[in-house]
Protein backbone atom coordinates (compact mmCIF):
# COMPACT_ATOMS: atom_id res chain seq x y z
CA UNK A 1 -62.35 -11.72 -6.46
CA UNK A 2 -58.97 -13.13 -5.57
CA UNK A 3 -57.70 -12.98 -2.06
CA UNK A 4 -54.08 -12.01 -1.61
CA UNK A 5 -52.05 -14.10 0.79
CA UNK A 6 -49.71 -12.17 3.01
CA UNK A 7 -46.43 -13.46 4.43
CA UNK A 8 -43.52 -15.54 3.21
CA UNK A 9 -43.22 -19.14 2.31
CA UNK A 10 -40.51 -21.21 3.93
CA UNK A 11 -38.47 -21.50 0.72
CA UNK A 12 -38.46 -17.71 0.24
CA UNK A 13 -37.27 -17.22 3.80
CA UNK A 14 -34.47 -19.79 3.37
CA UNK A 15 -33.28 -18.14 0.12
CA UNK A 16 -33.27 -14.69 1.76
CA UNK A 17 -31.28 -16.05 4.72
CA UNK A 18 -28.76 -17.77 2.39
CA UNK A 19 -28.22 -14.56 0.42
CA UNK A 20 -27.85 -12.52 3.61
CA UNK A 21 -25.33 -15.02 4.99
CA UNK A 22 -23.32 -14.94 1.77
CA UNK A 23 -23.19 -11.15 1.76
CA UNK A 24 -22.13 -11.20 5.41
CA UNK A 25 -19.40 -13.81 4.83
CA UNK A 26 -18.01 -11.90 1.83
CA UNK A 27 -18.19 -8.52 3.57
CA UNK A 28 -16.61 -9.27 6.95
CA UNK A 29 -12.96 -9.93 5.93
CA UNK A 30 -12.54 -6.57 4.12
CA UNK A 31 -14.15 -4.79 7.07
CA UNK A 32 -11.81 -6.53 9.54
CA UNK A 33 -8.79 -5.62 7.40
CA UNK A 34 -9.94 -2.00 7.21
CA UNK A 35 -10.42 -1.91 10.98
CA UNK A 36 -6.93 -3.38 11.59
CA UNK A 37 -5.38 -0.77 9.29
CA UNK A 38 -7.18 2.03 11.12
CA UNK A 39 -6.01 0.70 14.50
CA UNK A 40 -2.38 0.67 13.27
CA UNK A 41 -2.72 4.25 11.98
CA UNK A 42 -4.31 5.34 15.27
CA UNK A 43 -1.44 3.79 17.25
CA UNK A 44 1.13 5.60 15.07
CA UNK A 45 -0.74 8.87 15.58
CA UNK A 46 -0.67 8.29 19.34
CA UNK A 47 3.11 7.73 19.20
CA UNK A 48 3.45 10.96 17.19
CA UNK A 49 1.46 12.81 19.86
CA UNK A 50 4.00 11.70 22.48
CA UNK A 51 6.70 13.27 20.29
CA UNK A 52 4.72 16.54 20.34
CA UNK A 53 4.53 16.39 24.15
CA UNK A 54 8.31 15.87 24.41
CA UNK A 55 9.12 18.67 21.96
CA UNK A 56 6.78 21.10 23.71
CA UNK A 57 8.32 20.23 27.09
CA UNK A 58 11.86 20.83 25.76
CA UNK A 59 10.93 24.25 24.38
CA UNK A 60 8.85 25.34 27.37
CA UNK A 61 11.42 24.29 29.99
CA UNK A 62 14.50 25.24 27.94
CA UNK A 63 15.92 21.74 28.39
CA UNK A 64 17.30 18.82 26.42
CA UNK A 65 14.93 15.92 26.92
CA UNK A 66 14.60 12.35 25.72
CA UNK A 67 11.50 10.24 25.16
CA UNK A 68 12.01 6.56 25.96
CA UNK A 69 9.53 3.78 25.25
CA UNK A 70 9.24 0.60 27.30
CA UNK A 71 7.52 -2.61 26.15
CA UNK A 72 6.44 -4.89 29.00
CA UNK A 73 6.25 -8.69 28.77
CA UNK A 74 2.46 -8.56 28.27
CA UNK A 75 2.85 -6.20 25.27
CA UNK A 76 1.85 -3.05 27.14
CA UNK A 77 3.78 -0.02 25.87
CA UNK A 78 4.58 2.96 28.08
CA UNK A 79 6.72 6.05 27.62
CA UNK A 80 8.51 8.39 29.96
CA UNK A 81 10.27 11.71 29.44
CA UNK A 82 13.76 12.27 30.88
CA UNK A 83 15.77 15.50 31.23
CA UNK A 84 19.48 15.72 30.48
CA UNK A 85 21.02 16.10 33.93
CA UNK A 86 24.73 16.09 33.15
CA UNK A 87 25.07 17.90 29.81
CA UNK A 88 25.86 14.91 27.59
CA UNK A 89 22.34 14.29 26.24
CA UNK A 90 19.77 11.82 27.50
CA UNK A 91 21.44 8.40 27.53
CA UNK A 92 20.17 5.00 28.66
CA UNK A 93 23.15 4.62 31.02
CA UNK A 94 22.40 8.04 32.56
CA UNK A 95 18.73 7.12 32.98
CA UNK A 96 19.69 3.90 34.77
CA UNK A 97 22.20 5.69 37.00
CA UNK A 98 19.76 8.49 37.82
CA UNK A 99 21.86 11.24 36.20
CA UNK A 100 19.04 11.96 33.74
CA UNK A 101 15.89 12.30 35.90
CA UNK A 102 12.39 11.41 34.77
CA UNK A 103 10.33 14.61 34.42
CA UNK A 104 6.90 13.26 33.46
CA UNK A 105 5.22 10.16 34.87
CA UNK A 106 5.31 6.97 32.83
CA UNK A 107 2.24 6.91 30.59
CA UNK A 108 0.58 3.96 28.87
CA UNK A 109 -0.04 4.12 25.13
CA UNK A 110 -3.67 3.08 24.77
CA UNK A 111 -3.64 1.84 21.18
CA UNK A 112 -0.62 -0.46 21.44
CA UNK A 113 -0.98 -3.88 22.99
CA UNK A 114 -1.30 -7.52 22.04
CA UNK A 115 -2.49 -7.08 18.45
CA UNK A 116 -0.95 -3.71 17.60
CA UNK A 117 2.73 -3.42 18.48
CA UNK A 118 6.09 -1.95 17.51
CA UNK A 119 7.52 -3.95 14.61
CA UNK A 120 7.10 -4.92 10.99
CA UNK A 121 4.68 -7.25 9.21
CA UNK A 122 6.07 -10.57 7.94
CA UNK A 123 7.30 -10.89 4.39
CA UNK A 124 9.41 -8.64 2.24
CA UNK A 125 11.16 -5.76 4.00
CA UNK A 126 9.37 -2.43 3.44
CA UNK A 127 11.03 0.41 1.60
CA UNK A 128 12.92 3.01 3.60
CA UNK A 129 10.66 6.08 4.00
CA UNK A 130 13.75 8.32 3.81
CA UNK A 131 15.08 6.68 0.62
CA UNK A 132 12.46 4.63 -1.25
CA UNK A 133 15.13 3.08 -3.49
CA UNK A 134 16.38 1.07 -0.51
CA UNK A 135 14.66 -1.47 1.70
CA UNK A 136 14.84 -1.33 5.47
CA UNK A 137 17.29 -3.67 7.14
CA UNK A 138 17.47 -4.84 10.74
CA UNK A 139 13.76 -5.53 11.06
CA UNK A 140 14.25 -6.56 14.69
CA UNK A 141 14.56 -2.85 15.61
CA UNK A 142 11.31 -0.88 15.12
CA UNK A 143 12.43 2.14 17.20
CA UNK A 144 15.17 3.94 15.27
CA UNK A 145 16.78 7.19 16.37
CA UNK A 146 20.29 6.98 14.94
CA UNK A 147 21.86 4.23 17.06
CA UNK A 148 19.50 4.79 19.99
CA UNK A 149 15.92 4.08 20.97
CA UNK A 150 15.55 7.50 22.62
CA UNK A 151 13.90 10.37 20.74
CA UNK A 152 15.79 13.49 21.88
CA UNK A 153 14.48 17.06 21.64
CA UNK A 154 16.33 20.34 22.22
CA UNK A 155 15.12 23.69 23.63
CA UNK A 156 15.29 25.09 20.07
CA UNK A 157 12.69 22.58 18.86
CA UNK A 158 15.17 20.46 16.90
CA UNK A 159 15.31 16.71 17.43
CA UNK A 160 17.16 13.50 16.78
CA UNK A 161 15.76 12.27 13.47
CA UNK A 162 14.11 8.90 13.65
CA UNK A 163 11.15 6.64 13.09
CA UNK A 164 8.99 4.32 15.15
CA UNK A 165 7.24 1.55 13.19
CA UNK A 166 3.86 0.14 14.25
CA UNK A 167 2.17 -2.98 12.83
CA UNK A 168 -0.63 -5.44 13.41
CA UNK A 169 1.82 -8.26 12.67
CA UNK A 170 -0.09 -9.24 9.55
CA UNK A 171 -0.08 -6.75 6.67
CA UNK A 172 -0.50 -3.22 8.02
CA UNK A 173 2.41 -0.87 8.77
CA UNK A 174 2.49 2.77 9.85
CA UNK A 175 5.32 4.98 11.03
CA UNK A 176 5.63 7.99 13.34
CA UNK A 177 8.59 10.11 12.18
CA UNK A 178 10.63 12.96 13.60
CA UNK A 179 12.61 15.14 11.23
CA UNK A 180 15.78 16.34 12.94
CA UNK A 181 16.67 19.86 11.91
CA UNK A 182 13.11 21.15 11.96
CA UNK A 183 11.74 18.86 14.67
CA UNK A 184 8.70 18.33 12.44
CA UNK A 185 6.61 15.28 13.35
CA UNK A 186 4.43 13.23 11.03
CA UNK A 187 2.81 9.87 10.34
CA UNK A 188 3.15 7.66 7.27
CA UNK A 189 1.20 4.61 6.10
CA UNK A 190 2.83 1.86 4.03
CA UNK A 191 0.97 0.38 1.06
CA UNK A 192 2.25 -3.21 0.89
CA UNK A 193 0.85 -3.77 -2.60
CA UNK A 194 2.39 -0.66 -4.22
CA UNK A 195 5.37 -0.73 -1.80
CA UNK A 196 5.03 2.97 -1.19
CA UNK A 197 4.74 5.25 1.84
CA UNK A 198 2.06 7.95 1.90
């Protein structure tokens, strides 16, 4: 009778390790890209949730309010909600002078920071989500509410239309949008290959 040897020879073990390493090396970059895309989408969803908070506050307190973002030198992003105190809307000058008081404490956005930030990825300008025939211009301004960086909401639930763009600075781009007349809030993801928002 033949005896069966159990175990692996050194060459078999080296081949198995080489194959495992190759699979790992080929699989990590797509996983990292997928994770970066999900982080950008999560950050845009968090920005959209701040819009919901502002809109709900405006309706509940029968007030015109404005949501203002602040980006610190270390990349930390915070937001604060201000109430129109003098009847001319929430304005940066009125916030600085104290005419438009802050009504909710400044809150940090958890999913924005060093790697995920307001902005656009390098390369060709993305298409305008409002008019896909055009490309966005002024890529130095990722917070766009008409000519302001304040998202304003009224007691009727309407809002200043606008978009906040979030990127990883490489290839992923998402947007949190507010639609003016309805005050509807949504998130979009940009496909850089197909050059299309969805």
